[in-house]
Amino acid sequence: MDFYKQELPRFMILSKNILKYLKEGKTLEEACAKAGVVQNELNIWKLWADKGLQPYADFFREIQNYR
């Protein structure tokens, strides 16, 4: 199985938490820290999003609303 598929359940939980913190007015960096996501992990998600993998691409489209 591809690694991005193995990470999907974890991603779904963490991305939901990040979006919740962004809605509360936190910056992306603050939201990631509060959710327990390190920068390298966010970078990997971004690479997968750039390849068009769903729901990673959806997540990065969604966070654009909070920048």
PDB file of N, CA and C in Angstrom:
ATOM      1  N   MET A   1       0.838  -1.176   0.000  1.00  0.00           N
ATOM      2  CA  MET A   1       0.000   0.000   0.000  1.00  0.00           C
ATOM      3  C   MET A   1       0.888   1.246   0.000  1.00  0.00           C
ATOM      4  N   ASP A   2       0.439   2.272  -0.688  1.00  0.00           N
ATOM      5  CA  ASP A   2       1.189   3.517  -0.731  1.00  0.00           C
ATOM      6  C   ASP A   2       1.168   4.198   0.630  1.00  0.00           C
ATOM      7  N   PHE A   3       2.267   4.868   0.937  1.00  0.00           N
ATOM      8  CA  PHE A   3       2.403   5.520   2.239  1.00  0.00           C
ATOM      9  C   PHE A   3       1.313   6.562   2.468  1.00  0.00           C
ATOM     10  N   TYR A   4       0.981   7.330   1.417  1.00  0.00           N
ATOM     11  CA  TYR A   4      -0.036   8.367   1.603  1.00  0.00           C
ATOM     12  C   TYR A   4      -1.391   7.772   1.962  1.00  0.00           C
ATOM     13  N   LYS A   5      -1.661   6.563   1.511  1.00  0.00           N
ATOM     14  CA  LYS A   5      -2.921   5.905   1.876  1.00  0.00           C
ATOM     15  C   LYS A   5      -2.887   5.430   3.327  1.00  0.00           C
ATOM     16  N   GLN A   6      -1.717   4.991   3.780  1.00  0.00           N
ATOM     17  CA  GLN A   6      -1.576   4.571   5.174  1.00  0.00           C
ATOM     18  C   GLN A   6      -1.754   5.753   6.120  1.00  0.00           C
ATOM     19  N   GLU A   7      -1.312   6.920   5.689  1.00  0.00           N
ATOM     20  CA  GLU A   7      -1.385   8.117   6.520  1.00  0.00           C
ATOM     21  C   GLU A   7      -2.750   8.786   6.490  1.00  0.00           C
ATOM     22  N   LEU A   8      -3.623   8.365   5.611  1.00  0.00           N
ATOM     23  CA  LEU A   8      -4.903   9.039   5.417  1.00  0.00           C
ATOM     24  C   LEU A   8      -5.755   9.146   6.681  1.00  0.00           C
ATOM     25  N   PRO A   9      -5.950   8.080   7.464  1.00  0.00           N
ATOM     26  CA  PRO A   9      -6.775   8.239   8.680  1.00  0.00           C
ATOM     27  C   PRO A   9      -6.206   9.279   9.649  1.00  0.00           C
ATOM     28  N   ARG A  10      -4.902   9.262   9.822  1.00  0.00           N
ATOM     29  CA  ARG A  10      -4.247  10.239  10.704  1.00  0.00           C
ATOM     30  C   ARG A  10      -4.399  11.639  10.137  1.00  0.00           C
ATOM     31  N   PHE A  11      -4.194  11.769   8.832  1.00  0.00           N
ATOM     32  CA  PHE A  11      -4.341  13.063   8.170  1.00  0.00           C
ATOM     33  C   PHE A  11      -5.741  13.627   8.362  1.00  0.00           C
ATOM     34  N   MET A  12      -6.753  12.776   8.225  1.00  0.00           N
ATOM     35  CA  MET A  12      -8.137  13.244   8.330  1.00  0.00           C
ATOM     36  C   MET A  12      -8.400  13.851   9.711  1.00  0.00           C
ATOM     37  N   ILE A  13      -7.892  13.229  10.739  1.00  0.00           N
ATOM     38  CA  ILE A  13      -8.082  13.746  12.097  1.00  0.00           C
ATOM     39  C   ILE A  13      -7.304  15.042  12.297  1.00  0.00           C
ATOM     40  N   LEU A  14      -6.024  15.021  11.929  1.00  0.00           N
ATOM     41  CA  LEU A  14      -5.184  16.194  12.163  1.00  0.00           C
ATOM     42  C   LEU A  14      -5.613  17.386  11.318  1.00  0.00           C
ATOM     43  N   SER A  15      -5.991  17.144  10.072  1.00  0.00           N
ATOM     44  CA  SER A  15      -6.393  18.261   9.212  1.00  0.00           C
ATOM     45  C   SER A  15      -7.677  18.898   9.728  1.00  0.00           C
ATOM     46  N   LYS A  16      -8.574  18.086  10.256  1.00  0.00           N
ATOM     47  CA  LYS A  16      -9.815  18.620  10.836  1.00  0.00           C
ATOM     48  C   LYS A  16      -9.489  19.507  12.040  1.00  0.00           C
ATOM     49  N   ASN A  17      -8.529  19.072  12.852  1.00  0.00           N
ATOM     50  CA  ASN A  17      -8.115  19.878  14.007  1.00  0.00           C
ATOM     51  C   ASN A  17      -7.455  21.179  13.565  1.00  0.00           C
ATOM     52  N   ILE A  18      -6.613  21.117  12.553  1.00  0.00           N
ATOM     53  CA  ILE A  18      -5.958  22.326  12.046  1.00  0.00           C
ATOM     54  C   ILE A  18      -7.003  23.324  11.561  1.00  0.00           C
ATOM     55  N   LEU A  19      -7.973  22.853  10.798  1.00  0.00           N
ATOM     56  CA  LEU A  19      -9.022  23.748  10.299  1.00  0.00           C
ATOM     57  C   LEU A  19      -9.815  24.360  11.456  1.00  0.00           C
ATOM     58  N   LYS A  20     -10.063  23.577  12.484  1.00  0.00           N
ATOM     59  CA  LYS A  20     -10.784  24.097  13.657  1.00  0.00           C
ATOM     60  C   LYS A  20      -9.999  25.240  14.293  1.00  0.00           C
ATOM     61  N   TYR A  21      -8.685  25.064  14.453  1.00  0.00           N
ATOM     62  CA  TYR A  21      -7.864  26.107  15.067  1.00  0.00           C
ATOM     63  C   TYR A  21      -7.744  27.323  14.153  1.00  0.00           C
ATOM     64  N   LEU A  22      -7.705  27.122  12.852  1.00  0.00           N
ATOM     65  CA  LEU A  22      -7.680  28.258  11.930  1.00  0.00           C
ATOM     66  C   LEU A  22      -8.970  29.065  12.046  1.00  0.00           C
ATOM     67  N   LYS A  23     -10.086  28.379  12.185  1.00  0.00           N
ATOM     68  CA  LYS A  23     -11.375  29.066  12.349  1.00  0.00           C
ATOM     69  C   LYS A  23     -11.417  29.867  13.643  1.00  0.00           C
ATOM     70  N   GLU A  24     -10.650  29.441  14.636  1.00  0.00           N
ATOM     71  CA  GLU A  24     -10.570  30.167  15.910  1.00  0.00           C
ATOM     72  C   GLU A  24      -9.655  31.382  15.817  1.00  0.00           C
ATOM     73  N   GLY A  25      -9.014  31.586  14.663  1.00  0.00           N
ATOM     74  CA  GLY A  25      -8.167  32.756  14.471  1.00  0.00           C
ATOM     75  C   GLY A  25      -6.680  32.511  14.620  1.00  0.00           C
ATOM     76  N   LYS A  26      -6.272  31.271  14.785  1.00  0.00           N
ATOM     77  CA  LYS A  26      -4.846  30.951  14.894  1.00  0.00           C
ATOM     78  C   LYS A  26      -4.185  31.057  13.515  1.00  0.00           C
ATOM     79  N   THR A  27      -2.871  31.313  13.508  1.00  0.00           N
ATOM     80  CA  THR A  27      -2.128  31.256  12.253  1.00  0.00           C
ATOM     81  C   THR A  27      -1.939  29.786  11.882  1.00  0.00           C
ATOM     82  N   LEU A  28      -1.507  29.529  10.662  1.00  0.00           N
ATOM     83  CA  LEU A  28      -1.272  28.151  10.238  1.00  0.00           C
ATOM     84  C   LEU A  28      -0.219  27.491  11.119  1.00  0.00           C
ATOM     85  N   GLU A  29       0.839  28.230  11.431  1.00  0.00           N
ATOM     86  CA  GLU A  29       1.899  27.682  12.275  1.00  0.00           C
ATOM     87  C   GLU A  29       1.374  27.333  13.667  1.00  0.00           C
ATOM     88  N   GLU A  30       0.565  28.235  14.240  1.00  0.00           N
ATOM     89  CA  GLU A  30      -0.011  27.988  15.564  1.00  0.00           C
ATOM     90  C   GLU A  30      -0.979  26.804  15.531  1.00  0.00           C
ATOM     91  N   ALA A  31      -1.792  26.751  14.486  1.00  0.00           N
ATOM     92  CA  ALA A  31      -2.771  25.667  14.358  1.00  0.00           C
ATOM     93  C   ALA A  31      -2.073  24.315  14.227  1.00  0.00           C
ATOM     94  N   CYS A  32      -1.007  24.278  13.430  1.00  0.00           N
ATOM     95  CA  CYS A  32      -0.263  23.024  13.264  1.00  0.00           C
ATOM     96  C   CYS A  32       0.382  22.601  14.578  1.00  0.00           C
ATOM     97  N   ALA A  33       0.983  23.551  15.269  1.00  0.00           N
ATOM     98  CA  ALA A  33       1.628  23.234  16.544  1.00  0.00           C
ATOM     99  C   ALA A  33       0.605  22.711  17.547  1.00  0.00           C
ATOM    100  N   LYS A  34      -0.538  23.359  17.606  1.00  0.00           N
ATOM    101  CA  LYS A  34      -1.575  22.944  18.557  1.00  0.00           C
ATOM    102  C   LYS A  34      -2.121  21.560  18.203  1.00  0.00           C
ATOM    103  N   ALA A  35      -2.185  21.248  16.902  1.00  0.00           N
ATOM    104  CA  ALA A  35      -2.690  19.948  16.453  1.00  0.00           C
ATOM    105  C   ALA A  35      -1.620  18.860  16.515  1.00  0.00           C
ATOM    106  N   GLY A  36      -0.360  19.248  16.716  1.00  0.00           N
ATOM    107  CA  GLY A  36       0.716  18.269  16.791  1.00  0.00           C
ATOM    108  C   GLY A  36       1.298  17.888  15.442  1.00  0.00           C
ATOM    109  N   VAL A  37       1.206  18.802  14.484  1.00  0.00           N
ATOM    110  CA  VAL A  37       1.735  18.555  13.139  1.00  0.00           C
ATOM    111  C   VAL A  37       3.012  19.368  12.968  1.00  0.00           C
ATOM    112  N   VAL A  38       4.107  18.702  12.634  1.00  0.00           N
ATOM    113  CA  VAL A  38       5.378  19.392  12.424  1.00  0.00           C
ATOM    114  C   VAL A  38       5.474  19.867  10.977  1.00  0.00           C
ATOM    115  N   GLN A  39       6.379  20.816  10.733  1.00  0.00           N
ATOM    116  CA  GLN A  39       6.505  21.427   9.407  1.00  0.00           C
ATOM    117  C   GLN A  39       6.815  20.397   8.323  1.00  0.00           C
ATOM    118  N   ASN A  40       7.667  19.426   8.616  1.00  0.00           N
ATOM    119  CA  ASN A  40       7.998  18.412   7.609  1.00  0.00           C
ATOM    120  C   ASN A  40       6.768  17.621   7.183  1.00  0.00           C
ATOM    121  N   GLU A  41       5.908  17.322   8.136  1.00  0.00           N
ATOM    122  CA  GLU A  41       4.682  16.590   7.821  1.00  0.00           C
ATOM    123  C   GLU A  41       3.776  17.427   6.923  1.00  0.00           C
ATOM    124  N   LEU A  42       3.666  18.713   7.239  1.00  0.00           N
ATOM    125  CA  LEU A  42       2.863  19.619   6.416  1.00  0.00           C
ATOM    126  C   LEU A  42       3.441  19.703   5.004  1.00  0.00           C
ATOM    127  N   ASN A  43       4.768  19.718   4.901  1.00  0.00           N
ATOM    128  CA  ASN A  43       5.422  19.759   3.587  1.00  0.00           C
ATOM    129  C   ASN A  43       5.118  18.502   2.771  1.00  0.00           C
ATOM    130  N   ILE A  44       5.108  17.351   3.422  1.00  0.00           N
ATOM    131  CA  ILE A  44       4.782  16.100   2.725  1.00  0.00           C
ATOM    132  C   ILE A  44       3.348  16.131   2.239  1.00  0.00           C
ATOM    133  N   TRP A  45       2.429  16.597   3.081  1.00  0.00           N
ATOM    134  CA  TRP A  45       1.028  16.717   2.659  1.00  0.00           C
ATOM    135  C   TRP A  45       0.912  17.634   1.454  1.00  0.00           C
ATOM    136  N   LYS A  46       1.704  18.725   1.460  1.00  0.00           N
ATOM    137  CA  LYS A  46       1.668  19.681   0.344  1.00  0.00           C
ATOM    138  C   LYS A  46       2.155  19.014  -0.942  1.00  0.00           C
ATOM    139  N   LEU A  47       3.192  18.213  -0.849  1.00  0.00           N
ATOM    140  CA  LEU A  47       3.681  17.489  -2.032  1.00  0.00           C
ATOM    141  C   LEU A  47       2.602  16.575  -2.591  1.00  0.00           C
ATOM    142  N   TRP A  48       1.911  15.868  -1.720  1.00  0.00           N
ATOM    143  CA  TRP A  48       0.837  14.980  -2.164  1.00  0.00           C
ATOM    144  C   TRP A  48      -0.314  15.786  -2.753  1.00  0.00           C
ATOM    145  N   ALA A  49      -0.591  16.944  -2.163  1.00  0.00           N
ATOM    146  CA  ALA A  49      -1.652  17.813  -2.695  1.00  0.00           C
ATOM    147  C   ALA A  49      -1.279  18.311  -4.086  1.00  0.00           C
ATOM    148  N   ASP A  50      -0.005  18.673  -4.263  1.00  0.00           N
ATOM    149  CA  ASP A  50       0.463  19.150  -5.570  1.00  0.00           C
ATOM    150  C   ASP A  50       0.366  18.067  -6.635  1.00  0.00           C
ATOM    151  N   LYS A  51       0.423  16.806  -6.217  1.00  0.00           N
ATOM    152  CA  LYS A  51       0.249  15.692  -7.156  1.00  0.00           C
ATOM    153  C   LYS A  51      -1.224  15.426  -7.440  1.00  0.00           C
ATOM    154  N   GLY A  52      -2.112  16.165  -6.756  1.00  0.00           N
ATOM    155  CA  GLY A  52      -3.545  16.023  -6.983  1.00  0.00           C
ATOM    156  C   GLY A  52      -4.210  14.942  -6.162  1.00  0.00           C
ATOM    157  N   LEU A  53      -3.520  14.443  -5.148  1.00  0.00           N
ATOM    158  CA  LEU A  53      -4.108  13.393  -4.317  1.00  0.00           C
ATOM    159  C   LEU A  53      -5.175  13.978  -3.402  1.00  0.00           C
ATOM    160  N   GLN A  54      -6.334  13.362  -3.444  1.00  0.00           N
ATOM    161  CA  GLN A  54      -7.450  13.806  -2.600  1.00  0.00           C
ATOM    162  C   GLN A  54      -7.407  13.002  -1.311  1.00  0.00           C
ATOM    163  N   PRO A  55      -7.723  13.508  -0.178  1.00  0.00           N
ATOM    164  CA  PRO A  55      -8.226  14.837   0.159  1.00  0.00           C
ATOM    165  C   PRO A  55      -7.140  15.843   0.529  1.00  0.00           C
ATOM    166  N   TYR A  56      -5.867  15.508   0.273  1.00  0.00           N
ATOM    167  CA  TYR A  56      -4.785  16.437   0.599  1.00  0.00           C
ATOM    168  C   TYR A  56      -4.940  17.749  -0.163  1.00  0.00           C
ATOM    169  N   ALA A  57      -5.280  17.666  -1.443  1.00  0.00           N
ATOM    170  CA  ALA A  57      -5.480  18.874  -2.250  1.00  0.00           C
ATOM    171  C   ALA A  57      -6.649  19.694  -1.713  1.00  0.00           C
ATOM    172  N   ASP A  58      -7.706  19.027  -1.305  1.00  0.00           N
ATOM    173  CA  ASP A  58      -8.868  19.730  -0.744  1.00  0.00           C
ATOM    174  C   ASP A  58      -8.486  20.503   0.519  1.00  0.00           C
ATOM    175  N   PHE A  59      -7.668  19.893   1.349  1.00  0.00           N
ATOM    176  CA  PHE A  59      -7.239  20.536   2.591  1.00  0.00           C
ATOM    177  C   PHE A  59      -6.492  21.824   2.287  1.00  0.00           C
ATOM    178  N   PHE A  60      -5.570  21.802   1.336  1.00  0.00           N
ATOM    179  CA  PHE A  60      -4.798  23.010   1.037  1.00  0.00           C
ATOM    180  C   PHE A  60      -5.646  24.074   0.353  1.00  0.00           C
ATOM    181  N   ARG A  61      -6.656  23.673  -0.396  1.00  0.00           N
ATOM    182  CA  ARG A  61      -7.598  24.659  -0.936  1.00  0.00           C
ATOM    183  C   ARG A  61      -8.383  25.302   0.201  1.00  0.00           C
ATOM    184  N   GLU A  62      -8.777  24.499   1.164  1.00  0.00           N
ATOM    185  CA  GLU A  62      -9.554  24.995   2.302  1.00  0.00           C
ATOM    186  C   GLU A  62      -8.749  25.970   3.159  1.00  0.00           C
ATOM    187  N   ILE A  63      -7.476  25.670   3.424  1.00  0.00           N
ATOM    188  CA  ILE A  63      -6.710  26.566   4.298  1.00  0.00           C
ATOM    189  C   ILE A  63      -6.403  27.895   3.616  1.00  0.00           C
ATOM    190  N   GLN A  64      -6.515  27.967   2.299  1.00  0.00           N
ATOM    191  CA  GLN A  64      -6.328  29.249   1.612  1.00  0.00           C
ATOM    192  C   GLN A  64      -7.357  30.275   2.076  1.00  0.00           C
ATOM    193  N   ASN A  65      -8.511  29.823   2.534  1.00  0.00           N
ATOM    194  CA  ASN A  65      -9.550  30.732   3.027  1.00  0.00           C
ATOM    195  C   ASN A  65      -9.135  31.442   4.310  1.00  0.00           C
ATOM    196  N   TYR A  66      -8.118  30.942   4.984  1.00  0.00           N
ATOM    197  CA  TYR A  66      -7.717  31.492   6.278  1.00  0.00           C
ATOM    198  C   TYR A  66      -6.392  32.233   6.219  1.00  0.00           C
ATOM    199  N   ARG A  67      -5.840  32.411   5.047  1.00  0.00           N
ATOM    200  CA  ARG A  67      -4.552  33.121   4.935  1.00  0.00           C
ATOM    201  C   ARG A  67      -4.769  34.570   4.646  1.00  0.00           C
TER     202      ARG A  67
END
